[in-house]
Amino acid sequence: MQINTQSTTPYDDQKPGTSGLRKKVTVFQQTNYLENFVQSIFNSLQDFQGTSLVIGGDGRFFNREAIQIIIKIAAANGFGELIIGQGGLLSTPAVSNLIRINNAFGGIILSASHNPGGPDEDFGIKYNVSNGGPAPEKFTDALYENSTTISEYQIADIVDVDLDSIGQQKIDDLVITIIDPVSDYADLMAKIFDFDLLKNSISYGYITLCFDAMHAITGPYAKRILEDLLGAPKGTVINGIPLEDFGGGHPDPNMAHAEELTNTMFGENAPTFGAASDGDGDRNMIMGANIFVTPSDSLAIMAANAQLIPAYAKGISGVARSMPTSQAVDRVAKKLGLPCFETPTGWKFFGNLLDDGQITLCGEESFGSGSDHVREKDGLWAVLFWLNLVAKKRQSIEDIVNEHWESFGRDIYCRHDYEAVDLDVANGIFDHLRSQLSGLAGQKFSDYTVKYADEFSYTDPVDNSVSHNQGIRIGFENGSRIIFRLSGTGTVGATLRIYLEKYEADSSKHGQDAQEALAFLIDLAEQFCKIKKRTGRTEPTVIT
């Protein structure tokens, strides 16, 4: 093949993180923009010539065009095989699995996760390493440095590849393998869960379900697994065809954006089980008839009942949660005598613990949970876990949640998101918060006495790397917490997230509405950060 060297100039003003690089589609469509980033990825790698690379994305606008560019640059840089999902489609957990089972050098995932898609919306790209997980900070630091100094990129002069025909194509020494995006993932799920039990429970009508794929990547996966393999009726999967603009919706699995599912689950004759996943398939929302399971509770309940799932029947080695996630799973770990780790937000921190065998289950409050089967959070895995749990326990979702609260108490919890906040304003809010930390310990606000106030830092117990500035924590003597974080998942401004948590041991109060139970902490959070005053907003963009 002919390889061309194209001159270019450094371009980027954003350091890629765990979620990779996210920008508007129009930014990625700029001359040499995507090419620069892809070449910078390869410039940050060593000894990959002749190895395999997995490529796929969530099908959002620009996915196909981007894959053709990546193929040509990967070919020019000497990869030996490219493993690509048919149509350019692969969910994020499916990419992780493919990297692992094919012993691939790594993978490139094209997605902006739960962000909207379309010509004027968001696009993203990230690199996953050989364990199937997101690249560590050492790599993303090197990638950023390379992107600021790049002067040329290599690109093969080849015709566009047929992405729709399953099978192998060969271009000189390069093998391009187009695969069914679902088969290997479905095989993995069948090894983890009791598919026979699930088929029987569905066929006998004990479980009725509705899964909202939100016109995103999990549509084909959910149809194959839930409808074809487990026998759920056709139409169980709604919004199941991946669309470049996600049908004009926002593929974020929460009650605000999965409105059709929410109306179904809180309506008359609701199914026993409801669930949704996001743009790239790594997040989940679990619902029962007239009940929503918070992600924090979901992780805790899965940990408490893991032995009921075939793959975890012999027990789990430990659990981990991101720092903003509620402490519900900590209580389970303490009772079961399991190690429990509190990490920064970002799946790469779980990856080290999973690789080292210190944990089996992990999760975060932002609708993500997973286990040691891959090195990404996994939406459909969580859905199947809960289905298997319902079938095994012969209880409703509501009964399972209430039983858990009876045993462990309830961590009443919610998150307030303020999206697209001016970056200077957001940074000013955090500077204001930091200025208060040293004087907060010991202060009393009604029945809440501050036990600690700090900015979370984490020392990785596996590689001893240190991560600073991972969110501001204010903890109280009664176990309640207020946490403030700036999220990097958006493409416009900053997203300020406020997490509020209150532990309630009294079972007579477990039915409280979260916003009412947390009202004092909500007011106190505003007193600390003054986000409404500084932004002029009267309420959060999203409450979950």
Protein backbone atom coordinates (compact mmCIF):
# COMPACT_ATOMS: atom_id res chain seq x y z
CA MET A 1 0.00 0.00 0.00
CA GLN A 2 1.13 3.56 -0.61
CA ILE A 3 1.73 5.53 2.57
CA ASN A 4 1.57 9.31 2.53
CA THR A 5 3.10 11.70 5.03
CA GLN A 6 0.90 14.72 5.61
CA SER A 7 2.19 17.91 7.19
CA THR A 8 0.08 19.27 10.01
CA THR A 9 0.19 21.56 13.02
CA PRO A 10 -0.61 21.04 16.72
CA TYR A 11 -4.18 21.88 17.51
CA ASP A 12 -5.64 20.82 20.77
CA ASP A 13 -6.58 22.81 23.84
CA GLN A 14 -8.13 19.99 25.84
CA LYS A 15 -6.23 17.28 27.66
CA PRO A 16 -7.88 13.90 27.05
CA GLY A 17 -8.88 12.06 30.20
CA THR A 18 -10.52 8.76 31.07
CA SER A 19 -13.39 9.64 28.74
CA GLY A 20 -11.00 10.53 25.93
CA LEU A 21 -11.45 13.63 23.80
CA ARG A 22 -14.98 15.01 23.42
CA LYS A 23 -15.88 17.90 21.16
CA LYS A 24 -18.63 18.96 18.84
CA VAL A 25 -18.81 17.02 15.57
CA THR A 26 -17.94 20.19 13.67
CA VAL A 27 -14.64 20.39 15.57
CA PHE A 28 -13.70 16.83 14.64
CA GLN A 29 -14.59 17.59 11.02
CA GLN A 30 -11.96 20.31 10.81
CA THR A 31 -9.07 19.61 8.47
CA ASN A 32 -6.57 17.20 10.09
CA TYR A 33 -8.26 17.40 13.52
CA LEU A 34 -9.15 13.72 13.92
CA GLU A 35 -6.03 12.69 12.01
CA ASN A 36 -3.83 14.57 14.46
CA PHE A 37 -5.43 12.93 17.47
CA VAL A 38 -5.23 9.41 16.06
CA GLN A 39 -1.60 9.84 15.04
CA SER A 40 -0.87 11.25 18.50
CA ILE A 41 -2.33 8.06 19.98
CA PHE A 42 0.00 5.92 17.89
CA ASN A 43 2.97 8.21 18.61
CA SER A 44 2.35 7.52 22.30
CA LEU A 45 2.53 3.72 21.84
CA GLN A 46 5.54 1.44 21.47
CA ASP A 47 6.10 -1.94 19.79
CA PHE A 48 2.64 -2.26 18.27
CA GLN A 49 3.66 -3.02 14.69
CA GLY A 50 2.04 -6.21 13.45
CA THR A 51 -0.40 -6.40 16.41
CA SER A 52 -4.21 -6.22 16.52
CA LEU A 53 -6.34 -3.15 17.16
CA VAL A 54 -10.10 -3.21 17.92
CA ILE A 55 -12.16 -0.35 16.46
CA GLY A 56 -15.82 0.49 16.93
CA GLY A 57 -18.29 3.06 18.17
CA ASP A 58 -21.83 3.79 19.21
CA GLY A 59 -23.05 4.70 15.73
CA ARG A 60 -23.49 8.40 16.36
CA PHE A 61 -23.09 10.93 13.54
CA PHE A 62 -19.55 10.87 12.01
CA ASN A 63 -18.87 7.33 13.31
CA ARG A 64 -18.44 5.74 9.87
CA GLU A 65 -16.33 8.56 8.44
CA ALA A 66 -14.08 8.54 11.49
CA ILE A 67 -13.51 4.79 11.27
CA GLN A 68 -12.38 5.06 7.65
CA ILE A 69 -9.81 7.67 8.67
CA ILE A 70 -8.63 5.55 11.61
CA ILE A 71 -8.26 2.48 9.37
CA LYS A 72 -6.00 4.37 6.96
CA ILE A 73 -3.81 5.85 9.69
CA ALA A 74 -3.58 2.51 11.53
CA ALA A 75 -2.58 0.81 8.26
CA ALA A 76 0.12 3.39 7.63
CA ASN A 77 1.49 2.99 11.14
CA GLY A 78 1.96 -0.78 10.83
CA PHE A 79 -0.83 -2.57 12.67
CA GLY A 80 -1.23 -6.16 11.49
CA GLU A 81 -4.96 -6.63 12.06
CA LEU A 82 -7.95 -4.37 12.61
CA ILE A 83 -10.98 -5.95 14.29
CA ILE A 84 -14.05 -3.84 13.56
CA GLY A 85 -17.70 -4.26 14.44
CA GLN A 86 -20.08 -4.64 11.51
CA GLY A 87 -21.30 -1.24 10.42
CA GLY A 88 -18.64 0.30 12.66
CA LEU A 89 -20.77 -0.57 15.71
CA LEU A 90 -19.43 -1.83 19.04
CA SER A 91 -20.54 -1.06 22.57
CA THR A 92 -17.83 0.07 24.97
CA PRO A 93 -17.97 -3.13 27.10
CA ALA A 94 -17.95 -5.20 23.90
CA VAL A 95 -14.72 -3.47 22.82
CA SER A 96 -13.20 -4.29 26.20
CA ASN A 97 -14.19 -7.93 25.82
CA LEU A 98 -12.84 -8.14 22.26
CA ILE A 99 -9.49 -6.68 23.28
CA ARG A 100 -9.21 -9.29 26.02
CA ILE A 101 -10.32 -12.41 24.10
CA ASN A 102 -8.25 -11.52 21.02
CA ASN A 103 -5.14 -10.49 22.99
CA ALA A 104 -5.28 -7.25 21.03
CA PHE A 105 -2.77 -4.50 21.62
CA GLY A 106 -5.59 -2.07 22.36
CA GLY A 107 -8.71 -0.50 20.98
CA ILE A 108 -10.16 2.78 19.78
CA ILE A 109 -13.71 3.60 20.90
CA LEU A 110 -15.72 6.28 19.12
CA SER A 111 -18.34 7.68 21.44
CA ALA A 112 -19.32 10.63 23.56
CA SER A 113 -21.08 8.22 25.91
CA HIS A 114 -24.42 9.62 27.10
CA ASN A 115 -24.08 12.96 25.27
CA PRO A 116 -26.47 13.83 22.40
CA GLY A 117 -25.52 12.97 18.82
CA GLY A 118 -26.08 14.57 15.42
CA PRO A 119 -24.37 16.97 12.99
CA ASP A 120 -24.31 19.79 15.55
CA GLU A 121 -23.91 17.62 18.65
CA ASP A 122 -21.10 15.67 20.27
CA PHE A 123 -18.45 13.19 19.18
CA GLY A 124 -15.66 11.50 21.09
CA ILE A 125 -12.69 9.19 20.79
CA LYS A 126 -10.68 7.30 23.38
CA TYR A 127 -7.99 4.64 23.52
CA ASN A 128 -8.24 1.48 25.63
CA VAL A 129 -5.14 -0.52 26.56
CA SER A 130 -4.39 -4.24 26.40
CA ASN A 131 -6.36 -5.17 29.54
CA GLY A 132 -9.46 -3.78 27.84
CA GLY A 133 -9.70 -0.77 30.11
CA PRO A 134 -9.31 2.99 29.63
CA ALA A 135 -5.79 4.28 29.20
CA PRO A 136 -4.06 5.33 32.45
CA GLU A 137 -3.04 8.90 33.19
CA LYS A 138 0.57 8.20 32.20
CA PHE A 139 -0.61 7.43 28.68
CA THR A 140 -3.10 10.30 28.42
CA ASP A 141 -0.39 12.70 29.61
CA ALA A 142 1.93 11.46 26.86
CA LEU A 143 -0.89 11.64 24.31
CA TYR A 144 -1.61 15.23 25.23
CA GLU A 145 2.05 16.19 24.93
CA ASN A 146 2.27 14.53 21.53
CA SER A 147 -0.85 16.32 20.34
CA THR A 148 0.73 19.68 21.17
CA THR A 149 3.90 19.01 19.15
CA ILE A 150 2.72 16.87 16.22
CA SER A 151 3.93 18.08 12.82
CA GLU A 152 2.93 15.22 10.50
CA TYR A 153 0.82 12.10 10.31
CA GLN A 154 1.00 8.90 8.26
CA ILE A 155 -1.99 7.82 6.17
CA ALA A 156 -2.41 4.96 3.72
CA ASP A 157 -3.70 5.70 0.24
CA ILE A 158 -6.37 2.97 0.15
CA VAL A 159 -10.04 2.87 -0.77
CA ASP A 160 -12.66 2.95 1.93
CA VAL A 161 -13.24 -0.42 3.59
CA ASP A 162 -16.56 -2.25 3.36
CA LEU A 163 -17.76 -2.10 6.98
CA ASP A 164 -20.99 -3.99 6.41
CA SER A 165 -19.81 -7.40 5.16
CA ILE A 166 -18.73 -9.82 7.88
CA GLY A 167 -15.44 -11.54 7.09
CA GLN A 168 -11.81 -10.76 6.37
CA GLN A 169 -10.34 -8.33 3.89
CA LYS A 170 -6.63 -8.07 3.20
CA ILE A 171 -4.67 -5.06 2.06
CA ASP A 172 -1.03 -6.06 1.60
CA ASP A 173 0.05 -7.28 5.06
CA LEU A 174 -2.93 -5.76 6.86
CA VAL A 175 -5.88 -8.01 7.76
CA ILE A 176 -9.21 -6.26 8.35
CA THR A 177 -11.72 -8.45 10.16
CA ILE A 178 -15.35 -7.31 10.22
CA ILE A 179 -17.21 -9.15 12.98
CA ASP A 180 -20.73 -9.53 14.31
CA PRO A 181 -20.63 -6.90 17.09
CA VAL A 182 -22.92 -8.88 19.41
CA SER A 183 -21.91 -12.58 19.28
CA ASP A 184 -18.80 -12.59 21.48
CA TYR A 185 -20.46 -10.36 24.06
CA ALA A 186 -23.60 -12.51 24.15
CA ASP A 187 -21.44 -15.62 24.64
CA LEU A 188 -19.75 -13.92 27.60
CA MET A 189 -23.08 -13.04 29.23
CA ALA A 190 -24.28 -16.64 28.85
CA LYS A 191 -21.23 -17.79 30.84
CA ILE A 192 -21.93 -15.36 33.69
CA PHE A 193 -25.70 -15.66 34.17
CA ASP A 194 -28.24 -18.47 34.36
CA PHE A 195 -29.86 -18.12 30.95
CA ASP A 196 -32.00 -21.23 31.45
CA LEU A 197 -33.51 -19.78 34.62
CA LEU A 198 -34.14 -16.47 32.87
CA LYS A 199 -35.76 -18.14 29.86
CA ASN A 200 -38.11 -20.10 32.12
CA SER A 201 -38.97 -17.05 34.24
CA ILE A 202 -39.81 -15.03 31.13
CA SER A 203 -41.70 -17.81 29.34
CA TYR A 204 -43.87 -18.52 32.40
CA GLY A 205 -44.63 -14.81 32.76
CA TYR A 206 -42.97 -14.43 36.15
CA ILE A 207 -40.80 -11.69 34.68
CA THR A 208 -42.24 -9.12 32.29
CA LEU A 209 -39.85 -6.48 31.09
CA CYS A 210 -39.20 -3.38 29.05
CA PHE A 211 -35.73 -2.30 27.94
CA ASP A 212 -35.13 1.16 26.48
CA ALA A 213 -32.09 1.21 24.18
CA MET A 214 -32.64 4.95 23.57
CA HIS A 215 -31.85 4.50 19.84
CA ALA A 216 -28.26 3.86 20.88
CA ILE A 217 -25.76 1.01 20.66
CA THR A 218 -27.40 -1.52 23.00
CA GLY A 219 -30.40 -1.99 20.72
CA PRO A 220 -28.85 -4.88 18.74
CA TYR A 221 -27.32 -6.38 21.90
CA ALA A 222 -30.57 -6.25 23.88
CA LYS A 223 -32.65 -7.64 21.01
CA ARG A 224 -30.26 -10.58 20.54
CA ILE A 225 -29.98 -11.40 24.24
CA LEU A 226 -33.36 -10.47 25.71
CA GLU A 227 -35.64 -11.29 22.79
CA ASP A 228 -33.78 -13.92 20.74
CA LEU A 229 -31.85 -15.86 23.40
CA LEU A 230 -34.05 -15.38 26.47
CA GLY A 231 -37.39 -15.40 24.68
CA ALA A 232 -38.80 -12.05 25.74
CA PRO A 233 -41.64 -10.98 23.41
CA LYS A 234 -40.77 -8.93 20.34
CA GLY A 235 -41.11 -5.29 21.26
CA THR A 236 -39.64 -5.81 24.73
CA VAL A 237 -36.73 -3.67 23.50
CA ILE A 238 -38.02 -0.20 22.67
CA ASN A 239 -36.11 2.42 20.69
CA GLY A 240 -33.89 -0.46 19.62
CA ILE A 241 -32.51 0.79 16.30
CA PRO A 242 -29.25 2.78 16.67
CA LEU A 243 -29.61 6.16 14.99
CA GLU A 244 -26.94 8.76 14.24
CA ASP A 245 -28.82 11.35 16.29
CA PHE A 246 -30.31 8.89 18.82
CA GLY A 247 -33.73 9.79 17.50
CA GLY A 248 -33.24 13.38 18.60
CA GLY A 249 -33.07 12.26 22.22
CA HIS A 250 -30.46 12.44 24.94
CA PRO A 251 -29.14 8.86 25.47
CA ASP A 252 -28.59 9.24 29.20
CA PRO A 253 -30.39 6.50 31.18
CA ASN A 254 -32.17 8.47 33.85
CA MET A 255 -35.82 9.19 34.49
CA ALA A 256 -35.61 12.62 32.88
CA HIS A 257 -34.28 11.41 29.53
CA ALA A 258 -35.73 7.87 29.40
CA GLU A 259 -39.19 9.37 29.63
CA GLU A 260 -41.00 6.65 27.68
CA LEU A 261 -39.64 3.91 29.93
CA THR A 262 -40.34 5.95 33.07
CA ASN A 263 -43.96 6.51 32.05
CA THR A 264 -44.33 2.79 31.39
CA MET A 265 -42.84 1.74 34.72
CA PHE A 266 -44.89 4.25 36.72
CA GLY A 267 -48.07 3.66 34.75
CA GLU A 268 -50.90 1.18 34.98
CA ASN A 269 -50.07 -2.47 34.35
CA ALA A 270 -46.35 -1.76 34.58
CA PRO A 271 -43.97 -4.64 33.79
CA THR A 272 -42.14 -6.21 36.70
CA PHE A 273 -38.79 -5.04 35.38
CA GLY A 274 -37.58 -2.02 33.43
CA ALA A 275 -34.12 -0.93 32.35
CA ALA A 276 -32.26 1.42 30.02
CA SER A 277 -28.73 1.92 28.78
CA ASP A 278 -26.85 4.86 27.32
CA GLY A 279 -25.20 5.90 24.07
CA ASP A 280 -22.25 3.51 24.17
CA GLY A 281 -23.78 0.82 26.38
CA ASP A 282 -21.74 1.18 29.54
CA ARG A 283 -24.39 2.72 31.81
CA ASN A 284 -27.63 1.32 33.17
CA MET A 285 -30.84 2.33 34.87
CA ILE A 286 -32.78 -0.29 36.83
CA MET A 287 -36.49 0.10 37.59
CA GLY A 288 -39.34 -1.98 38.94
CA ALA A 289 -43.05 -1.31 38.89
CA ASN A 290 -43.34 2.17 40.46
CA ILE A 291 -39.76 2.17 41.75
CA PHE A 292 -36.40 3.51 40.57
CA VAL A 293 -33.24 1.90 41.97
CA THR A 294 -30.48 4.41 42.61
CA PRO A 295 -27.13 3.34 41.13
CA SER A 296 -25.56 3.45 44.59
CA ASP A 297 -28.20 1.09 45.99
CA SER A 298 -27.88 -1.08 42.89
CA LEU A 299 -24.17 -1.65 43.51
CA ALA A 300 -24.75 -2.44 47.18
CA ILE A 301 -27.58 -4.88 46.44
CA MET A 302 -25.53 -6.64 43.77
CA ALA A 303 -22.63 -7.01 46.19
CA ALA A 304 -24.91 -8.36 48.92
CA ASN A 305 -26.43 -10.96 46.58
CA ALA A 306 -23.55 -11.80 44.27
CA GLN A 307 -23.42 -15.41 45.40
CA LEU A 308 -26.80 -15.98 43.72
CA ILE A 309 -25.22 -15.38 40.28
CA PRO A 310 -23.42 -18.40 38.73
CA ALA A 311 -20.19 -16.55 37.93
CA TYR A 312 -19.88 -15.26 41.51
CA ALA A 313 -21.29 -18.27 43.38
CA LYS A 314 -17.96 -18.92 45.10
CA GLY A 315 -17.87 -15.39 46.50
CA ILE A 316 -16.28 -12.12 45.54
CA SER A 317 -12.84 -10.85 46.51
CA GLY A 318 -13.80 -7.27 47.26
CA VAL A 319 -15.71 -4.20 46.08
CA ALA A 320 -14.91 -0.66 45.06
CA ARG A 321 -16.88 2.52 44.49
CA SER A 322 -16.08 5.95 43.20
CA MET A 323 -15.76 8.56 45.92
CA PRO A 324 -19.08 10.36 45.18
CA THR A 325 -21.01 7.08 45.21
CA SER A 326 -22.99 6.53 48.40
CA GLN A 327 -21.55 4.49 51.24
CA ALA A 328 -24.24 1.81 50.90
CA VAL A 329 -21.79 -0.72 49.47
CA ASP A 330 -19.36 0.00 52.32
CA ARG A 331 -21.94 -1.32 54.78
CA VAL A 332 -22.32 -4.52 52.75
CA ALA A 333 -18.57 -5.00 52.59
CA LYS A 334 -18.20 -4.49 56.33
CA LYS A 335 -20.90 -7.05 57.13
CA LEU A 336 -19.47 -9.60 54.68
CA GLY A 337 -15.87 -8.98 55.72
CA LEU A 338 -14.82 -7.80 52.25
CA PRO A 339 -12.24 -5.18 51.29
CA CYS A 340 -13.87 -1.96 50.08
CA PHE A 341 -12.02 0.72 48.13
CA GLU A 342 -12.97 4.36 47.56
CA THR A 343 -11.47 5.61 44.28
CA PRO A 344 -11.65 8.74 42.16
CA THR A 345 -14.27 8.83 39.43
CA GLY A 346 -13.02 6.99 36.34
CA TRP A 347 -13.07 3.32 35.46
CA LYS A 348 -9.30 3.13 35.03
CA PHE A 349 -8.94 3.25 38.83
CA PHE A 350 -11.07 0.11 39.14
CA GLY A 351 -9.00 -1.54 36.42
CA ASN A 352 -5.86 -1.76 38.52
CA LEU A 353 -7.79 -3.31 41.42
CA LEU A 354 -9.55 -5.77 39.09
CA ASP A 355 -6.31 -6.78 37.39
CA ASP A 356 -4.72 -7.33 40.80
CA GLY A 357 -7.61 -9.50 41.98
CA GLN A 358 -8.43 -7.24 44.91
CA ILE A 359 -12.02 -6.63 43.83
CA THR A 360 -14.70 -8.42 41.81
CA LEU A 361 -17.51 -5.83 41.70
CA CYS A 362 -17.31 -2.08 41.30
CA GLY A 363 -19.52 0.86 40.48
CA GLU A 364 -20.18 4.54 40.45
CA GLU A 365 -23.19 6.69 41.16
CA SER A 366 -23.40 7.91 37.56
CA PHE A 367 -25.31 4.79 36.48
CA GLY A 368 -22.23 2.61 35.96
CA SER A 369 -21.44 -0.80 37.43
CA GLY A 370 -19.32 -3.75 36.43
CA SER A 371 -17.17 -6.68 37.45
CA ASP A 372 -13.99 -8.49 36.53
CA HIS A 373 -15.51 -9.89 33.29
CA VAL A 374 -14.32 -6.79 31.37
CA ARG A 375 -12.50 -3.58 32.26
CA GLU A 376 -15.30 -1.13 31.52
CA LYS A 377 -18.62 -0.49 33.17
CA ASP A 378 -21.28 -2.58 31.48
CA GLY A 379 -24.93 -1.61 31.15
CA LEU A 380 -26.42 -4.87 29.86
CA TRP A 381 -24.38 -6.90 32.32
CA ALA A 382 -26.04 -4.95 35.16
CA VAL A 383 -29.48 -5.49 33.61
CA LEU A 384 -28.90 -9.25 33.35
CA PHE A 385 -27.54 -9.33 36.92
CA TRP A 386 -30.77 -7.82 38.20
CA LEU A 387 -32.93 -10.08 36.01
CA ASN A 388 -31.04 -13.11 37.34
CA LEU A 389 -31.51 -11.79 40.89
CA VAL A 390 -35.27 -11.32 40.45
CA ALA A 391 -35.62 -14.80 38.92
CA LYS A 392 -33.58 -16.43 41.68
CA LYS A 393 -35.11 -14.64 44.66
CA ARG A 394 -38.67 -14.69 43.28
CA GLN A 395 -39.18 -11.18 44.57
CA SER A 396 -40.15 -7.89 42.98
CA ILE A 397 -37.61 -5.10 42.55
CA GLU A 398 -39.36 -3.15 45.31
CA ASP A 399 -39.21 -6.08 47.71
CA ILE A 400 -35.53 -6.67 47.01
CA VAL A 401 -34.72 -3.01 47.68
CA ASN A 402 -36.81 -2.86 50.87
CA GLU A 403 -35.29 -6.10 52.15
CA HIS A 404 -31.84 -4.64 51.62
CA TRP A 405 -32.73 -1.46 53.49
CA GLU A 406 -34.09 -3.54 56.37
CA SER A 407 -30.77 -5.37 56.63
CA PHE A 408 -28.32 -2.52 56.01
CA GLY A 409 -30.24 0.73 56.45
CA ARG A 410 -30.82 3.22 53.67
CA ASP A 411 -28.34 5.74 52.35
CA ILE A 412 -30.73 8.42 51.12
CA TYR A 413 -28.94 9.93 48.18
CA CYS A 414 -29.29 12.27 45.21
CA ARG A 415 -27.21 14.21 42.72
CA HIS A 416 -27.84 17.73 41.44
CA ASP A 417 -26.24 18.57 38.09
CA TYR A 418 -25.72 22.11 36.87
CA GLU A 419 -24.76 21.70 33.21
CA ALA A 420 -22.99 24.10 30.83
CA VAL A 421 -21.79 26.40 33.60
CA ASP A 422 -19.35 29.05 32.39
CA LEU A 423 -15.90 27.61 33.08
CA ASP A 424 -14.62 30.71 34.83
CA VAL A 425 -17.69 30.76 37.06
CA ALA A 426 -17.29 27.05 37.84
CA ASN A 427 -13.63 27.49 38.73
CA GLY A 428 -14.56 30.47 40.89
CA ILE A 429 -17.06 28.34 42.79
CA PHE A 430 -14.38 25.75 43.50
CA ASP A 431 -11.85 28.36 44.57
CA HIS A 432 -14.49 29.67 46.98
CA LEU A 433 -15.11 26.16 48.32
CA ARG A 434 -11.39 25.52 48.78
CA SER A 435 -11.03 28.73 50.76
CA GLN A 436 -13.52 27.42 53.34
CA LEU A 437 -12.16 23.91 53.89
CA SER A 438 -9.59 24.55 56.58
CA GLY A 439 -12.12 26.22 58.87
CA LEU A 440 -15.08 23.86 58.52
CA ALA A 441 -14.06 20.93 60.72
CA GLY A 442 -15.92 21.05 64.03
CA GLN A 443 -18.50 23.59 62.89
CA LYS A 444 -22.11 22.72 63.70
CA PHE A 445 -25.05 23.37 61.40
CA SER A 446 -28.23 22.41 63.26
CA ASP A 447 -27.83 18.66 63.93
CA TYR A 448 -24.92 18.35 61.50
CA THR A 449 -21.40 18.70 62.87
CA VAL A 450 -18.60 18.74 60.27
CA LYS A 451 -16.21 15.85 60.83
CA TYR A 452 -13.90 16.57 57.91
CA ALA A 453 -13.65 18.88 54.90
CA ASP A 454 -11.04 18.19 52.26
CA GLU A 455 -10.19 17.80 48.59
CA PHE A 456 -10.02 14.09 47.82
CA SER A 457 -6.70 12.59 46.77
CA TYR A 458 -6.09 8.93 46.01
CA THR A 459 -3.01 6.75 46.20
CA ASP A 460 -3.45 3.68 44.03
CA PRO A 461 -2.74 0.58 46.16
CA VAL A 462 -1.45 -1.30 43.11
CA ASP A 463 0.95 1.09 41.36
CA ASN A 464 1.24 3.79 44.07
CA SER A 465 0.30 6.54 41.61
CA VAL A 466 -1.31 9.58 43.21
CA SER A 467 -4.33 11.46 41.86
CA HIS A 468 -5.06 14.89 43.34
CA ASN A 469 -8.03 17.28 43.17
CA GLN A 470 -10.68 14.59 42.77
CA GLY A 471 -13.57 16.46 44.36
CA ILE A 472 -14.37 18.38 47.52
CA ARG A 473 -15.82 16.40 50.42
CA ILE A 474 -17.64 17.68 53.48
CA GLY A 475 -18.44 14.85 55.86
CA PHE A 476 -20.50 15.05 59.04
CA GLU A 477 -20.39 13.19 62.34
CA ASN A 478 -23.69 11.43 61.58
CA GLY A 479 -22.29 9.93 58.36
CA SER A 480 -23.93 12.40 56.00
CA ARG A 481 -21.88 13.89 53.17
CA ILE A 482 -21.92 16.73 50.66
CA ILE A 483 -19.57 16.37 47.69
CA PHE A 484 -18.78 18.82 44.90
CA ARG A 485 -17.18 17.81 41.60
CA LEU A 486 -16.55 19.33 38.21
CA SER A 487 -17.30 16.77 35.52
CA GLY A 488 -15.43 16.57 32.23
CA THR A 489 -18.08 14.65 30.29
CA GLY A 490 -19.67 17.65 28.62
CA THR A 491 -18.45 19.61 25.59
CA VAL A 492 -19.82 23.05 26.51
CA GLY A 493 -18.72 24.83 29.68
CA ALA A 494 -18.47 22.80 32.87
CA THR A 495 -20.88 20.52 34.69
CA LEU A 496 -20.94 21.05 38.45
CA ARG A 497 -22.27 18.03 40.31
CA ILE A 498 -23.42 18.19 43.93
CA TYR A 499 -23.87 14.86 45.72
CA LEU A 500 -25.92 14.63 48.89
CA GLU A 501 -26.11 11.66 51.23
CA LYS A 502 -27.79 10.92 54.55
CA TYR A 503 -27.83 7.55 56.32
CA GLU A 504 -31.13 6.40 57.80
CA ALA A 505 -31.18 3.28 59.98
CA ASP A 506 -34.82 3.68 61.06
CA SER A 507 -36.88 1.46 58.74
CA SER A 508 -40.01 3.53 59.37
CA LYS A 509 -38.30 6.39 57.50
CA HIS A 510 -37.01 4.37 54.55
CA GLY A 511 -39.93 5.45 52.38
CA GLN A 512 -39.03 9.13 52.58
CA ASP A 513 -38.73 11.13 49.38
CA ALA A 514 -35.03 11.80 48.85
CA GLN A 515 -35.42 15.52 48.11
CA GLU A 516 -37.45 16.03 51.28
CA ALA A 517 -35.10 13.96 53.43
CA LEU A 518 -32.09 15.81 52.07
CA ALA A 519 -33.65 19.29 52.13
CA PHE A 520 -31.37 20.60 54.88
CA LEU A 521 -28.23 19.31 53.14
CA ILE A 522 -29.42 20.80 49.83
CA ASP A 523 -29.74 24.22 51.48
CA LEU A 524 -26.39 23.76 53.21
CA ALA A 525 -24.68 22.91 49.92
CA GLU A 526 -25.97 26.15 48.42
CA GLN A 527 -24.69 28.00 51.49
CA PHE A 528 -21.23 26.54 50.89
CA CYS A 529 -20.93 26.98 47.10
CA LYS A 530 -23.53 29.65 46.21
CA ILE A 531 -24.00 28.19 42.73
CA LYS A 532 -27.50 29.61 42.33
CA LYS A 533 -26.33 33.05 43.33
CA ARG A 534 -23.22 32.88 41.11
CA THR A 535 -24.99 31.50 38.04
CA GLY A 536 -28.41 33.09 38.42
CA ARG A 537 -30.06 29.68 38.13
CA THR A 538 -32.99 28.68 40.28
CA GLU A 539 -32.63 24.89 40.09
CA PRO A 540 -30.33 22.12 38.83
CA THR A 541 -30.43 21.04 35.18
CA VAL A 542 -30.96 17.43 36.21
CA ILE A 543 -31.73 15.77 39.55
CA THR A 544 -31.03 12.04 39.93
